[in-house]
C-alpha atoms as a PDB file:
ATOM      1  CA  ASP A   1     -10.339 -18.950  21.571  1.00  0.00           C
ATOM      2  CA  SER A   2     -11.251 -18.187  17.911  1.00  0.00           C
ATOM      3  CA  VAL A   3      -8.938 -20.679  16.360  1.00  0.00           C
ATOM      4  CA  LYS A   4     -10.117 -23.507  18.558  1.00  0.00           C
ATOM      5  CA  LEU A   5     -13.836 -22.579  17.686  1.00  0.00           C
ATOM      6  CA  ALA A   6     -12.986 -22.353  13.950  1.00  0.00           C
ATOM      7  CA  ARG A   7     -11.333 -25.724  13.910  1.00  0.00           C
ATOM      8  CA  GLN A   8     -14.421 -27.167  15.326  1.00  0.00           C
ATOM      9  CA  LEU A   9     -16.441 -25.844  12.346  1.00  0.00           C
ATOM     10  CA  MET A  10     -13.981 -27.015   9.622  1.00  0.00           C
ATOM     11  CA  PRO A  11     -15.075 -30.754   9.228  1.00  0.00           C
ATOM     12  CA  ALA A  12     -18.660 -29.592   8.237  1.00  0.00           C
ATOM     13  CA  LEU A  13     -17.227 -26.724   5.960  1.00  0.00           C
ATOM     14  CA  MET A  14     -14.926 -29.266   4.205  1.00  0.00           C
ATOM     15  CA  ALA A  15     -17.790 -31.675   3.740  1.00  0.00           C
ATOM     16  CA  GLN A  16     -19.650 -28.878   2.280  1.00  0.00           C
ATOM     17  CA  THR A  17     -16.981 -27.470   0.042  1.00  0.00           C
ATOM     18  CA  GLY A  18     -14.818 -30.348  -0.748  1.00  0.00           C
ATOM     19  CA  GLN A  19     -11.792 -27.934  -0.559  1.00  0.00           C
ATOM     20  CA  THR A  20      -8.604 -27.637   1.509  1.00  0.00           C
ATOM     21  CA  LEU A  21      -9.330 -25.181   4.433  1.00  0.00           C
ATOM     22  CA  ALA A  22      -6.868 -23.015   6.512  1.00  0.00           C
ATOM     23  CA  LEU A  23      -6.900 -20.521   9.203  1.00  0.00           C
ATOM     24  CA  ALA A  24      -4.758 -17.522   9.469  1.00  0.00           C
ATOM     25  CA  VAL A  25      -3.937 -14.942  12.168  1.00  0.00           C
ATOM     26  CA  TRP A  26      -2.104 -11.685  12.097  1.00  0.00           C
ATOM     27  CA  GLY A  27       1.514 -12.530  13.216  1.00  0.00           C
ATOM     28  CA  ASN A  28       4.674 -10.421  13.621  1.00  0.00           C
ATOM     29  CA  GLN A  29       5.249 -10.369   9.854  1.00  0.00           C
ATOM     30  CA  GLY A  30       1.718 -10.505   8.486  1.00  0.00           C
ATOM     31  CA  PRO A  31      -1.126 -12.955   7.920  1.00  0.00           C
ATOM     32  CA  THR A  32       0.130 -16.327   9.280  1.00  0.00           C
ATOM     33  CA  LEU A  33      -1.330 -19.841   8.494  1.00  0.00           C
ATOM     34  CA  VAL A  34      -1.964 -21.479  12.095  1.00  0.00           C
ATOM     35  CA  HIS A  35      -4.166 -24.434  10.816  1.00  0.00           C
ATOM     36  CA  TRP A  36      -4.449 -26.481   7.687  1.00  0.00           C
ATOM     37  CA  GLU A  37      -6.831 -29.191   6.684  1.00  0.00           C
ATOM     38  CA  GLU A  38      -6.273 -30.805   3.434  1.00  0.00           C
ATOM     39  CA  SER A  39      -9.223 -32.113   1.419  1.00  0.00           C
ATOM     40  CA  PRO A  40      -8.986 -35.615  -0.167  1.00  0.00           C
ATOM     41  CA  GLN A  41      -8.663 -33.752  -3.592  1.00  0.00           C
ATOM     42  CA  ALA A  42      -6.081 -31.669  -2.289  1.00  0.00           C
ATOM     43  CA  VAL A  43      -4.248 -29.192  -4.488  1.00  0.00           C
ATOM     44  CA  THR A  44      -0.446 -29.509  -4.419  1.00  0.00           C
ATOM     45  CA  VAL A  45       0.613 -26.203  -2.978  1.00  0.00           C
ATOM     46  CA  ASN A  46       3.894 -25.391  -1.344  1.00  0.00           C
ATOM     47  CA  LEU A  47       2.343 -23.797   2.052  1.00  0.00           C
ATOM     48  CA  ARG A  48       3.032 -24.875   5.473  1.00  0.00           C
ATOM     49  CA  LEU A  49       1.841 -23.867   8.995  1.00  0.00           C
ATOM     50  CA  GLY A  50       3.559 -20.517   9.872  1.00  0.00           C
ATOM     51  CA  ASP A  51       3.842 -19.215   6.309  1.00  0.00           C
ATOM     52  CA  VAL A  52       3.132 -15.718   6.070  1.00  0.00           C
ATOM     53  CA  MET A  53       0.921 -14.784   3.216  1.00  0.00           C
ATOM     54  CA  PRO A  54       1.529 -12.016   0.708  1.00  0.00           C
ATOM     55  CA  LEU A  55      -0.895  -9.071   1.346  1.00  0.00           C
ATOM     56  CA  LEU A  56      -1.734  -8.309  -2.253  1.00  0.00           C
ATOM     57  CA  SER A  57      -1.611 -11.729  -4.214  1.00  0.00           C
ATOM     58  CA  SER A  58      -3.252 -13.881  -1.721  1.00  0.00           C
ATOM     59  CA  ALA A  59      -7.024 -13.983  -0.542  1.00  0.00           C
ATOM     60  CA  THR A  60      -5.744 -14.167   3.036  1.00  0.00           C
ATOM     61  CA  GLY A  61      -3.569 -11.137   2.502  1.00  0.00           C
ATOM     62  CA  LEU A  62      -6.333  -9.055   0.834  1.00  0.00           C
ATOM     63  CA  CYS A  63      -8.784 -10.073   3.689  1.00  0.00           C
ATOM     64  CA  PHE A  64      -6.338  -8.785   6.404  1.00  0.00           C
ATOM     65  CA  ALA A  65      -5.660  -5.652   4.376  1.00  0.00           C
ATOM     66  CA  ALA A  66      -9.205  -4.918   3.858  1.00  0.00           C
ATOM     67  CA  PHE A  67     -10.589  -5.526   7.331  1.00  0.00           C
ATOM     68  CA  SER A  68      -7.627  -4.543   9.504  1.00  0.00           C
ATOM     69  CA  LEU A  69      -6.089  -1.486   7.525  1.00  0.00           C
ATOM     70  CA  PRO A  70      -7.803   1.859   7.968  1.00  0.00           C
ATOM     71  CA  ARG A  71      -9.231   3.246   4.833  1.00  0.00           C
ATOM     72  CA  LEU A  72      -6.224   4.245   2.623  1.00  0.00           C
ATOM     73  CA  THR A  73      -6.133   7.867   1.737  1.00  0.00           C
ATOM     74  CA  ALA A  74      -4.926   9.220  -1.489  1.00  0.00           C
ATOM     75  CA  GLY A  75      -1.836  10.529   0.320  1.00  0.00           C
ATOM     76  CA  GLY A  76      -1.175   6.969   1.783  1.00  0.00           C
ATOM     77  CA  LYS A  77      -1.192   8.236   5.133  1.00  0.00           C
ATOM     78  CA  SER A  78      -1.969   5.065   7.230  1.00  0.00           C
ATOM     79  CA  PRO A  79       0.467   4.419  10.009  1.00  0.00           C
ATOM     80  CA  GLY A  80       1.375   0.996  11.479  1.00  0.00           C
ATOM     81  CA  ARG A  81       3.117  -2.189  10.365  1.00  0.00           C
ATOM     82  CA  LEU A  82       0.358  -3.347   8.010  1.00  0.00           C
ATOM     83  CA  ALA A  83       0.446  -0.099   6.150  1.00  0.00           C
ATOM     84  CA  LEU A  84       4.370  -0.356   5.652  1.00  0.00           C
ATOM     85  CA  LEU A  85       4.120  -4.061   4.524  1.00  0.00           C
ATOM     86  CA  VAL A  86       1.362  -2.958   1.993  1.00  0.00           C
ATOM     87  CA  LYS A  87       3.661  -0.097   0.746  1.00  0.00           C
ATOM     88  CA  ASP A  88       6.550  -2.267   0.387  1.00  0.00           C
ATOM     89  CA  GLU A  89       4.603  -4.953  -1.556  1.00  0.00           C
ATOM     90  CA  LEU A  90       3.106  -2.256  -3.893  1.00  0.00           C
ATOM     91  CA  ALA A  91       6.608  -1.158  -4.667  1.00  0.00           C
ATOM     92  CA  ARG A  92       7.631  -4.725  -5.303  1.00  0.00           C
ATOM     93  CA  ASN A  93       4.542  -5.196  -7.716  1.00  0.00           C
ATOM     94  CA  GLN A  94       5.621  -1.946  -9.582  1.00  0.00           C
ATOM     95  CA  LYS A  95       9.025  -2.914  -9.835  1.00  0.00           C
ATOM     96  CA  LEU A  96       8.005  -6.375 -11.170  1.00  0.00           C
ATOM     97  CA  ALA A  97       5.420  -4.836 -13.518  1.00  0.00           C
ATOM     98  CA  ARG A  98       2.823  -7.474 -12.323  1.00  0.00           C
ATOM     99  CA  LYS A  99      -0.411  -6.896 -14.176  1.00  0.00           C
ATOM    100  CA  ASP A 100      -2.424  -9.298 -12.039  1.00  0.00           C
ATOM    101  CA  VAL A 101      -2.187  -7.571  -8.704  1.00  0.00           C
ATOM    102  CA  PRO A 102      -2.461  -4.000  -7.615  1.00  0.00           C
ATOM    103  CA  ALA A 103       0.599  -1.791  -8.291  1.00  0.00           C
ATOM    104  CA  SER A 104      -0.678   1.512  -7.375  1.00  0.00           C
ATOM    105  CA  LEU A 105      -2.641   2.957  -4.393  1.00  0.00           C
ATOM    106  CA  ALA A 106      -5.487   3.702  -6.506  1.00  0.00           C
ATOM    107  CA  GLU A 107      -5.576   0.015  -7.725  1.00  0.00           C
ATOM    108  CA  LEU A 108      -5.352  -1.215  -4.294  1.00  0.00           C
ATOM    109  CA  THR A 109      -7.984   1.080  -2.884  1.00  0.00           C
ATOM    110  CA  ALA A 110     -10.430   0.009  -5.353  1.00  0.00           C
ATOM    111  CA  LEU A 111      -9.734  -3.578  -4.757  1.00  0.00           C
ATOM    112  CA  LEU A 112      -9.999  -3.294  -0.930  1.00  0.00           C
ATOM    113  CA  GLU A 113     -13.330  -1.501  -1.213  1.00  0.00           C
ATOM    114  CA  ASP A 114     -14.562  -4.443  -3.457  1.00  0.00           C
ATOM    115  CA  VAL A 115     -13.295  -6.900  -0.857  1.00  0.00           C
ATOM    116  CA  ARG A 116     -15.240  -5.023   1.801  1.00  0.00           C
ATOM    117  CA  ARG A 117     -18.342  -4.570  -0.106  1.00  0.00           C
ATOM    118  CA  ARG A 118     -18.316  -8.505  -0.912  1.00  0.00           C
ATOM    119  CA  GLY A 119     -17.496  -9.377   2.649  1.00  0.00           C
ATOM    120  CA  MET A 120     -14.519 -11.542   1.677  1.00  0.00           C
ATOM    121  CA  ALA A 121     -11.597 -11.852  -0.480  1.00  0.00           C
ATOM    122  CA  ARG A 122     -10.839 -13.892  -3.409  1.00  0.00           C
ATOM    123  CA  ALA A 123      -7.502 -14.584  -5.455  1.00  0.00           C
ATOM    124  CA  VAL A 124      -7.302 -16.449  -8.756  1.00  0.00           C
ATOM    125  CA  ASN A 125      -4.142 -17.476 -10.275  1.00  0.00           C
ATOM    126  CA  THR A 126      -2.388 -14.587  -8.466  1.00  0.00           C
ATOM    127  CA  LEU A 127      -0.637 -16.558  -5.581  1.00  0.00           C
ATOM    128  CA  LEU A 128      -0.182 -19.788  -7.712  1.00  0.00           C
ATOM    129  CA  PRO A 129      -0.916 -20.566 -11.221  1.00  0.00           C
ATOM    130  CA  GLY A 130      -3.962 -22.818 -11.406  1.00  0.00           C
ATOM    131  CA  VAL A 131      -4.939 -22.269  -7.867  1.00  0.00           C
ATOM    132  CA  ALA A 132      -7.932 -20.077  -6.481  1.00  0.00           C
ATOM    133  CA  GLY A 133      -8.814 -19.284  -2.791  1.00  0.00           C
ATOM    134  CA  PHE A 134     -11.194 -17.343  -0.762  1.00  0.00           C
ATOM    135  CA  CYS A 135     -10.696 -15.894   2.657  1.00  0.00           C
ATOM    136  CA  ALA A 136     -13.483 -14.758   4.929  1.00  0.00           C
ATOM    137  CA  PRO A 137     -13.123 -12.563   7.870  1.00  0.00           C
ATOM    138  CA  VAL A 138     -14.039 -13.626  11.402  1.00  0.00           C
ATOM    139  CA  PHE A 139     -14.678 -10.685  13.809  1.00  0.00           C
ATOM    140  CA  ASP A 140     -14.356 -10.663  17.727  1.00  0.00           C
ATOM    141  CA  ALA A 141     -16.836  -9.038  20.033  1.00  0.00           C
ATOM    142  CA  ASP A 142     -15.032  -5.553  19.655  1.00  0.00           C
ATOM    143  CA  GLY A 143     -15.241  -5.751  15.896  1.00  0.00           C
ATOM    144  CA  HIS A 144     -11.548  -6.453  15.210  1.00  0.00           C
ATOM    145  CA  LEU A 145     -10.472  -9.127  12.805  1.00  0.00           C
ATOM    146  CA  ALA A 146      -9.818 -12.309  14.730  1.00  0.00           C
ATOM    147  CA  LEU A 147      -8.797 -14.570  12.156  1.00  0.00           C
ATOM    148  CA  GLY A 148      -9.299 -15.450   8.414  1.00  0.00           C
ATOM    149  CA  MET A 149     -11.053 -18.559   7.264  1.00  0.00           C
ATOM    150  CA  VAL A 150      -9.475 -19.848   3.936  1.00  0.00           C
ATOM    151  CA  ALA A 151     -10.652 -22.194   1.389  1.00  0.00           C
ATOM    152  CA  LEU A 152      -8.302 -23.058  -1.641  1.00  0.00           C
ATOM    153  CA  GLY A 153      -7.931 -25.526  -4.299  1.00  0.00           C
ATOM    154  CA  SER A 154      -7.094 -26.363  -7.950  1.00  0.00           C
ATOM    155  CA  LEU A 155      -9.180 -24.473 -10.588  1.00  0.00           C
ATOM    156  CA  ALA A 156     -10.052 -28.037 -12.013  1.00  0.00           C
ATOM    157  CA  THR A 157     -12.250 -28.549  -8.991  1.00  0.00           C
ATOM    158  CA  PHE A 158     -12.671 -25.202  -7.295  1.00  0.00           C
ATOM    159  CA  ASP A 159     -15.721 -23.082  -7.911  1.00  0.00           C
ATOM    160  CA  PRO A 160     -14.363 -19.486  -7.787  1.00  0.00           C
ATOM    161  CA  GLY A 161     -17.875 -17.795  -8.242  1.00  0.00           C
ATOM    162  CA  TRP A 162     -18.713 -15.375  -5.450  1.00  0.00           C
ATOM    163  CA  ASP A 163     -22.087 -17.102  -5.090  1.00  0.00           C
ATOM    164  CA  GLY A 164     -20.554 -20.579  -5.603  1.00  0.00           C
ATOM    165  CA  THR A 165     -20.175 -23.861  -3.685  1.00  0.00           C
ATOM    166  CA  VAL A 166     -17.074 -22.613  -1.970  1.00  0.00           C
ATOM    167  CA  ALA A 167     -17.778 -18.905  -1.274  1.00  0.00           C
ATOM    168  CA  LYS A 168     -21.269 -19.144   0.198  1.00  0.00           C
ATOM    169  CA  PRO A 169     -20.565 -21.737   2.761  1.00  0.00           C
ATOM    170  CA  LEU A 170     -17.272 -20.138   3.804  1.00  0.00           C
ATOM    171  CA  ALA A 171     -18.811 -16.843   4.126  1.00  0.00           C
ATOM    172  CA  SER A 172     -21.813 -18.402   6.338  1.00  0.00           C
ATOM    173  CA  ALA A 173     -19.273 -20.393   8.478  1.00  0.00           C
ATOM    174  CA  ALA A 174     -17.145 -17.004   9.071  1.00  0.00           C
ATOM    175  CA  ARG A 175     -20.281 -14.995   9.948  1.00  0.00           C
ATOM    176  CA  GLN A 176     -21.524 -17.798  12.405  1.00  0.00           C
ATOM    177  CA  LEU A 177     -18.280 -17.875  14.058  1.00  0.00           C
ATOM    178  CA  SER A 178     -18.123 -14.061  14.296  1.00  0.00           C
ATOM    179  CA  ARG A 179     -21.469 -14.290  16.069  1.00  0.00           C
ATOM    180  CA  ASP A 180     -20.298 -17.027  18.318  1.00  0.00           C
ATOM    181  CA  LEU A 181     -17.355 -14.736  19.340  1.00  0.00           C
ATOM    182  CA  GLY A 182     -19.852 -12.109  20.287  1.00  0.00           C
ATOM    183  CA  PHE A 183     -19.725  -9.937  17.074  1.00  0.00           C
ATOM    184  CA  LYS A 184     -22.646  -7.891  16.391  1.00  0.00           C
ATOM    185  CA  GLU A 185     -23.316  -6.855  12.657  1.00  0.00           C
ATOM    186  CA  ALA A 186     -24.294  -3.164  12.333  1.00  0.00           C
END
């Protein structure tokens, strides 16, 4: 299965990036961490297996929102559990007046388009202060999001650049795993 295959890629990916790696799948409540491998220079984060990641403030959530959610319309007409979770989180962000995460449908739509264009999601200081992360999508043979491959670490040692030492190997591993699962890029 996809998680088993992804786990086999993680030692080499950790050697390349030097960062903590995780795998997430869509669970009943949202994107859920199902595997975790800490790097020797592990960032102290209060995340555990089974944790559900927020959709709009984590790279994992943004990846699942961008690659699972049908294109959001101006009217917000997008049925399903994911859309309801997104709407709830947008409302919470508006209420908390957070400026570092999307609080309107327009902001979210622009951010999700950027995630799709770049082929992966990034979060810097939005989930936890001083922590950055990327999440790259892995697609199955039908083109559905099978899982997210996550790298995260302290900004003291984590390269948050889109073309950096974390993003490039992570994206490459996710593309390879997608091909291994039978996904054919358009």
